[in-house]
Amino acid sequence: MDNVIQAFQFGDWLIEPHLNRITRGDEDKQLEPKAMDVLAYLLDHAGEVVSSRELLDEVWSDRVVEESAVHQRISKIRRALGDDSHKPQYIENIPRRGYRTKARVRTAEETERADSDLLSRLESLTPPFPAYDGDGSYVFV
């Protein structure tokens, strides 16, 4: 995995892999490093089915571990996100294939750009506030 500092918007969560932190509103949670590595890999491959073998090869490339290590980290990630494996909103299990992100994934940069575009569109639709002219009282609401 590369060491580029990147954040993701994953559904309503902000994921900051370099800080092992996930945030939603006032909720701020820490993930253990390997769980974050698994989540970051899934987010880097948003919408794709990623096998347990691929996750083992990428996240645990320097160690030999059992496939159960992947399943344990996915469980921790789901718990942290408040996800349900039977009705997943964030990570779904594709039987005998692997895992796939279900919620929308955007990089933080894409999210900021979209927010900036929305603000620009709203500003263009809002008529300019008329300048005060005269000696009468003006009420601001």
C-alpha atoms as a PDB file:
ATOM      1  CA  MET A   1       0.000   0.000   0.000  1.00  0.00           C
ATOM      2  CA  ASP A   2       1.297   3.473  -0.746  1.00  0.00           C
ATOM      3  CA  ASN A   3       1.884   6.041   1.970  1.00  0.00           C
ATOM      4  CA  VAL A   4       0.051   8.940   0.340  1.00  0.00           C
ATOM      5  CA  ILE A   5      -1.971  10.845   2.912  1.00  0.00           C
ATOM      6  CA  GLN A   6      -5.528  10.617   1.712  1.00  0.00           C
ATOM      7  CA  ALA A   7      -8.909  10.849   3.396  1.00  0.00           C
ATOM      8  CA  PHE A   8     -12.183   9.391   2.205  1.00  0.00           C
ATOM      9  CA  GLN A   9     -15.836  10.224   2.606  1.00  0.00           C
ATOM     10  CA  PHE A  10     -17.484   6.812   3.056  1.00  0.00           C
ATOM     11  CA  GLY A  11     -21.226   7.228   3.307  1.00  0.00           C
ATOM     12  CA  ASP A  12     -21.578   9.658   6.195  1.00  0.00           C
ATOM     13  CA  TRP A  13     -18.152   8.816   7.687  1.00  0.00           C
ATOM     14  CA  LEU A  14     -14.888  10.659   7.172  1.00  0.00           C
ATOM     15  CA  ILE A  15     -12.100   8.071   7.039  1.00  0.00           C
ATOM     16  CA  GLU A  16      -8.549   9.267   7.760  1.00  0.00           C
ATOM     17  CA  PRO A  17      -6.262   6.265   7.282  1.00  0.00           C
ATOM     18  CA  HIS A  18      -3.075   8.132   8.219  1.00  0.00           C
ATOM     19  CA  LEU A  19      -4.615   8.861  11.658  1.00  0.00           C
ATOM     20  CA  ASN A  20      -6.437   5.509  12.051  1.00  0.00           C
ATOM     21  CA  ARG A  21      -9.529   7.647  12.657  1.00  0.00           C
ATOM     22  CA  ILE A  22     -13.129   7.561  11.482  1.00  0.00           C
ATOM     23  CA  THR A  23     -15.439  10.492  12.169  1.00  0.00           C
ATOM     24  CA  ARG A  24     -19.149  11.123  11.772  1.00  0.00           C
ATOM     25  CA  GLY A  25     -20.559  14.322  13.235  1.00  0.00           C
ATOM     26  CA  ASP A  26     -19.456  14.349  16.883  1.00  0.00           C
ATOM     27  CA  GLU A  27     -18.433  10.670  16.802  1.00  0.00           C
ATOM     28  CA  ASP A  28     -14.711  10.113  16.636  1.00  0.00           C
ATOM     29  CA  LYS A  29     -13.350   6.554  16.704  1.00  0.00           C
ATOM     30  CA  GLN A  30      -9.928   4.975  16.376  1.00  0.00           C
ATOM     31  CA  LEU A  31      -9.299   1.776  14.446  1.00  0.00           C
ATOM     32  CA  GLU A  32      -6.326  -0.467  14.993  1.00  0.00           C
ATOM     33  CA  PRO A  33      -3.758  -0.093  12.187  1.00  0.00           C
ATOM     34  CA  LYS A  34      -4.446  -3.404  10.399  1.00  0.00           C
ATOM     35  CA  ALA A  35      -8.218  -2.812  10.472  1.00  0.00           C
ATOM     36  CA  MET A  36      -7.625   0.633   8.974  1.00  0.00           C
ATOM     37  CA  ASP A  37      -5.331  -0.871   6.341  1.00  0.00           C
ATOM     38  CA  VAL A  38      -8.106  -3.294   5.358  1.00  0.00           C
ATOM     39  CA  LEU A  39     -10.669  -0.481   5.235  1.00  0.00           C
ATOM     40  CA  ALA A  40      -8.349   1.786   3.244  1.00  0.00           C
ATOM     41  CA  TYR A  41      -7.695  -0.988   0.732  1.00  0.00           C
ATOM     42  CA  LEU A  42     -11.432  -1.551   0.296  1.00  0.00           C
ATOM     43  CA  LEU A  43     -11.959   2.193  -0.156  1.00  0.00           C
ATOM     44  CA  ASP A  44      -9.133   2.358  -2.711  1.00  0.00           C
ATOM     45  CA  HIS A  45     -10.999  -0.376  -4.617  1.00  0.00           C
ATOM     46  CA  ALA A  46     -14.503   1.021  -4.079  1.00  0.00           C
ATOM     47  CA  GLY A  47     -17.259  -1.033  -5.655  1.00  0.00           C
ATOM     48  CA  GLU A  48     -14.905  -3.870  -6.592  1.00  0.00           C
ATOM     49  CA  VAL A  49     -15.113  -7.302  -5.011  1.00  0.00           C
ATOM     50  CA  VAL A  50     -11.890  -7.799  -3.047  1.00  0.00           C
ATOM     51  CA  SER A  51     -11.067 -11.350  -1.994  1.00  0.00           C
ATOM     52  CA  SER A  52      -9.735 -12.336   1.403  1.00  0.00           C
ATOM     53  CA  ARG A  53      -6.614 -13.647  -0.374  1.00  0.00           C
ATOM     54  CA  GLU A  54      -6.038 -10.234  -1.989  1.00  0.00           C
ATOM     55  CA  LEU A  55      -6.418  -8.507   1.378  1.00  0.00           C
ATOM     56  CA  LEU A  56      -3.978 -10.978   2.965  1.00  0.00           C
ATOM     57  CA  ASP A  57      -1.457 -10.383   0.178  1.00  0.00           C
ATOM     58  CA  GLU A  58      -1.747  -6.591   0.350  1.00  0.00           C
ATOM     59  CA  VAL A  59      -2.249  -5.868   4.049  1.00  0.00           C
ATOM     60  CA  TRP A  60      -0.208  -8.711   5.555  1.00  0.00           C
ATOM     61  CA  SER A  61       2.403  -8.961   2.790  1.00  0.00           C
ATOM     62  CA  ASP A  62       5.204  -9.136   5.368  1.00  0.00           C
ATOM     63  CA  ARG A  63       3.611 -11.910   7.499  1.00  0.00           C
ATOM     64  CA  VAL A  64       1.911 -15.248   7.165  1.00  0.00           C
ATOM     65  CA  VAL A  65      -1.538 -15.133   8.757  1.00  0.00           C
ATOM     66  CA  GLU A  66      -4.755 -17.116   8.531  1.00  0.00           C
ATOM     67  CA  GLU A  67      -7.742 -15.933   6.518  1.00  0.00           C
ATOM     68  CA  SER A  68      -9.586 -15.460   9.816  1.00  0.00           C
ATOM     69  CA  ALA A  69      -7.443 -12.334  10.359  1.00  0.00           C
ATOM     70  CA  VAL A  70      -9.321 -10.659   7.497  1.00  0.00           C
ATOM     71  CA  HIS A  71     -12.728 -11.678   8.851  1.00  0.00           C
ATOM     72  CA  GLN A  72     -11.824 -10.403  12.329  1.00  0.00           C
ATOM     73  CA  ARG A  73     -10.768  -7.010  10.938  1.00  0.00           C
ATOM     74  CA  ILE A  74     -13.922  -6.744   8.820  1.00  0.00           C
ATOM     75  CA  SER A  75     -15.978  -7.430  11.977  1.00  0.00           C
ATOM     76  CA  LYS A  76     -14.100  -4.679  13.846  1.00  0.00           C
ATOM     77  CA  ILE A  77     -14.644  -2.253  10.975  1.00  0.00           C
ATOM     78  CA  ARG A  78     -18.362  -3.056  10.843  1.00  0.00           C
ATOM     79  CA  ARG A  79     -18.682  -2.577  14.604  1.00  0.00           C
ATOM     80  CA  ALA A  80     -16.936   0.797  14.418  1.00  0.00           C
ATOM     81  CA  LEU A  81     -19.143   1.929  11.510  1.00  0.00           C
ATOM     82  CA  GLY A  82     -22.319   0.595  13.150  1.00  0.00           C
ATOM     83  CA  ASP A  83     -22.821  -1.707  10.159  1.00  0.00           C
ATOM     84  CA  ASP A  84     -24.857  -4.914  10.161  1.00  0.00           C
ATOM     85  CA  SER A  85     -23.540  -7.887   8.195  1.00  0.00           C
ATOM     86  CA  HIS A  86     -27.121  -9.052   7.504  1.00  0.00           C
ATOM     87  CA  LYS A  87     -28.280  -5.659   6.195  1.00  0.00           C
ATOM     88  CA  PRO A  88     -25.032  -3.930   5.294  1.00  0.00           C
ATOM     89  CA  GLN A  89     -24.876  -0.226   4.535  1.00  0.00           C
ATOM     90  CA  TYR A  90     -21.097   0.029   4.254  1.00  0.00           C
ATOM     91  CA  ILE A  91     -19.377  -3.300   3.566  1.00  0.00           C
ATOM     92  CA  GLU A  92     -21.097  -6.281   2.059  1.00  0.00           C
ATOM     93  CA  ASN A  93     -19.922  -9.857   1.923  1.00  0.00           C
ATOM     94  CA  ILE A  94     -20.105 -11.472  -1.494  1.00  0.00           C
ATOM     95  CA  PRO A  95     -20.314 -15.210  -0.654  1.00  0.00           C
ATOM     96  CA  ARG A  96     -17.231 -17.172  -1.731  1.00  0.00           C
ATOM     97  CA  ARG A  97     -15.861 -14.073  -3.469  1.00  0.00           C
ATOM     98  CA  GLY A  98     -14.902 -11.441  -0.875  1.00  0.00           C
ATOM     99  CA  TYR A  99     -15.995  -8.002   0.267  1.00  0.00           C
ATOM    100  CA  ARG A 100     -17.214  -4.879  -1.472  1.00  0.00           C
ATOM    101  CA  THR A 101     -17.956  -1.353  -0.337  1.00  0.00           C
ATOM    102  CA  LYS A 102     -21.624  -0.544  -0.547  1.00  0.00           C
ATOM    103  CA  ALA A 103     -21.845   3.098   0.548  1.00  0.00           C
ATOM    104  CA  ARG A 104     -20.603   5.853  -1.737  1.00  0.00           C
ATOM    105  CA  VAL A 105     -16.863   6.455  -1.542  1.00  0.00           C
ATOM    106  CA  ARG A 106     -15.250   9.752  -2.443  1.00  0.00           C
ATOM    107  CA  THR A 107     -11.840  11.133  -1.678  1.00  0.00           C
ATOM    108  CA  ALA A 108     -11.921  14.121   0.653  1.00  0.00           C
ATOM    109  CA  GLU A 109     -10.639  16.200  -2.282  1.00  0.00           C
ATOM    110  CA  GLU A 110     -13.632  15.174  -4.421  1.00  0.00           C
ATOM    111  CA  THR A 111     -15.967  15.987  -1.513  1.00  0.00           C
ATOM    112  CA  GLU A 112     -14.435  19.449  -1.058  1.00  0.00           C
ATOM    113  CA  ARG A 113     -14.646  20.111  -4.800  1.00  0.00           C
ATOM    114  CA  ALA A 114     -18.320  19.030  -4.863  1.00  0.00           C
ATOM    115  CA  ASP A 115     -19.071  21.238  -1.841  1.00  0.00           C
ATOM    116  CA  SER A 116     -17.293  24.159  -3.513  1.00  0.00           C
ATOM    117  CA  ASP A 117     -19.244  23.600  -6.750  1.00  0.00           C
ATOM    118  CA  LEU A 118     -22.518  23.498  -4.809  1.00  0.00           C
ATOM    119  CA  LEU A 119     -21.640  26.727  -2.981  1.00  0.00           C
ATOM    120  CA  SER A 120     -20.795  28.427  -6.296  1.00  0.00           C
ATOM    121  CA  ARG A 121     -24.119  27.324  -7.809  1.00  0.00           C
ATOM    122  CA  LEU A 122     -26.056  28.561  -4.768  1.00  0.00           C
ATOM    123  CA  GLU A 123     -24.243  31.902  -4.839  1.00  0.00           C
ATOM    124  CA  SER A 124     -25.088  32.330  -8.520  1.00  0.00           C
ATOM    125  CA  LEU A 125     -28.775  31.667  -7.781  1.00  0.00           C
ATOM    126  CA  THR A 126     -28.930  34.083  -4.852  1.00  0.00           C
ATOM    127  CA  PRO A 127     -29.646  37.648  -5.929  1.00  0.00           C
ATOM    128  CA  PRO A 128     -27.303  40.254  -4.492  1.00  0.00           C
ATOM    129  CA  PHE A 129     -28.506  41.980  -1.361  1.00  0.00           C
ATOM    130  CA  PRO A 130     -29.638  45.504  -2.308  1.00  0.00           C
ATOM    131  CA  ALA A 131     -27.615  48.333  -0.840  1.00  0.00           C
ATOM    132  CA  TYR A 132     -29.368  50.474   1.753  1.00  0.00           C
ATOM    133  CA  ASP A 133     -30.619  53.670   0.226  1.00  0.00           C
ATOM    134  CA  GLY A 134     -32.537  56.307   2.164  1.00  0.00           C
ATOM    135  CA  ASP A 135     -33.100  57.455   5.747  1.00  0.00           C
ATOM    136  CA  GLY A 136     -35.839  55.026   6.784  1.00  0.00           C
ATOM    137  CA  SER A 137     -35.205  52.077   9.035  1.00  0.00           C
ATOM    138  CA  TYR A 138     -34.190  48.830   7.437  1.00  0.00           C
ATOM    139  CA  VAL A 139     -35.036  45.504   9.049  1.00  0.00           C
ATOM    140  CA  PHE A 140     -32.673  42.574   8.539  1.00  0.00           C
ATOM    141  CA  VAL A 141     -34.143  39.126   8.896  1.00  0.00           C
END
